[in-house]
């Protein structure tokens, strides 16, 4: 894994950006559903805490 992805704050920002509802209107793309955020949390230990933080906030 890239060293930058081991930094919790960076991971949290990436996940927040992808899960943010206004992502649809700003970029013309769609945000990821909550179930995908939960799957992201189960991917590896490094992703778990940031993804769960975002999941509980939304």
Protein backbone atom coordinates (compact mmCIF):
# COMPACT_ATOMS: atom_id res chain seq x y z
CA UNK A 1 0.00 0.00 0.00
CA UNK A 2 1.19 3.53 -0.69
CA UNK A 3 2.60 5.31 2.34
CA UNK A 4 0.22 8.24 1.90
CA UNK A 5 -2.75 5.88 2.38
CA UNK A 6 -1.44 4.95 5.82
CA UNK A 7 -2.26 8.46 7.04
CA UNK A 8 -5.70 8.33 8.63
CA UNK A 9 -6.56 11.96 7.88
CA UNK A 10 -5.91 11.51 4.16
CA UNK A 11 -8.02 8.35 4.02
CA UNK A 12 -10.85 10.07 5.86
CA UNK A 13 -10.79 12.99 3.41
CA UNK A 14 -10.90 10.63 0.42
CA UNK A 15 -13.79 8.62 1.84
CA UNK A 16 -15.70 11.76 2.87
CA UNK A 17 -15.31 13.18 -0.63
CA UNK A 18 -16.58 9.99 -2.26
CA UNK A 19 -19.48 9.57 0.16
CA UNK A 20 -20.51 13.23 0.20
CA UNK A 21 -23.96 13.73 -1.30
CA UNK A 22 -23.07 16.98 -3.10
CA UNK A 23 -20.39 15.08 -5.01
CA UNK A 24 -23.15 14.37 -7.53
CA UNK A 25 -23.83 18.01 -8.36
CA UNK A 26 -20.25 19.24 -8.25
CA UNK A 27 -18.63 16.62 -10.47
CA UNK A 28 -21.48 15.15 -12.43
CA UNK A 29 -20.68 11.77 -10.90
CA UNK A 30 -22.54 9.85 -8.26
CA UNK A 31 -21.61 9.41 -4.62
CA UNK A 32 -20.92 5.95 -3.28
CA UNK A 33 -23.77 4.31 -1.37
CA UNK A 34 -23.54 3.65 2.37
CA UNK A 35 -23.20 -0.09 1.75
CA UNK A 36 -20.07 0.55 -0.31
CA UNK A 37 -18.64 2.69 2.48
CA UNK A 38 -19.24 -0.24 4.84
CA UNK A 39 -17.51 -2.58 2.39
CA UNK A 40 -14.60 -0.16 2.21
CA UNK A 41 -14.34 -0.35 6.02
CA UNK A 42 -14.01 -4.13 5.78
CA UNK A 43 -11.28 -4.00 3.13
CA UNK A 44 -8.33 -3.72 5.52
CA UNK A 45 -7.47 -2.50 9.00
CA UNK A 46 -6.04 0.78 7.71
CA UNK A 47 -9.34 1.69 6.03
CA UNK A 48 -11.62 0.56 8.85
CA UNK A 49 -11.53 3.53 11.26
CA UNK A 50 -11.76 6.33 8.65
CA UNK A 51 -14.56 4.57 6.76
CA UNK A 52 -16.53 3.86 9.93
CA UNK A 53 -16.14 7.50 11.01
CA UNK A 54 -17.62 8.66 7.71
CA UNK A 55 -20.32 6.00 7.82
CA UNK A 56 -21.48 7.02 11.30
CA UNK A 57 -21.50 10.71 10.36
CA UNK A 58 -23.74 10.29 7.31
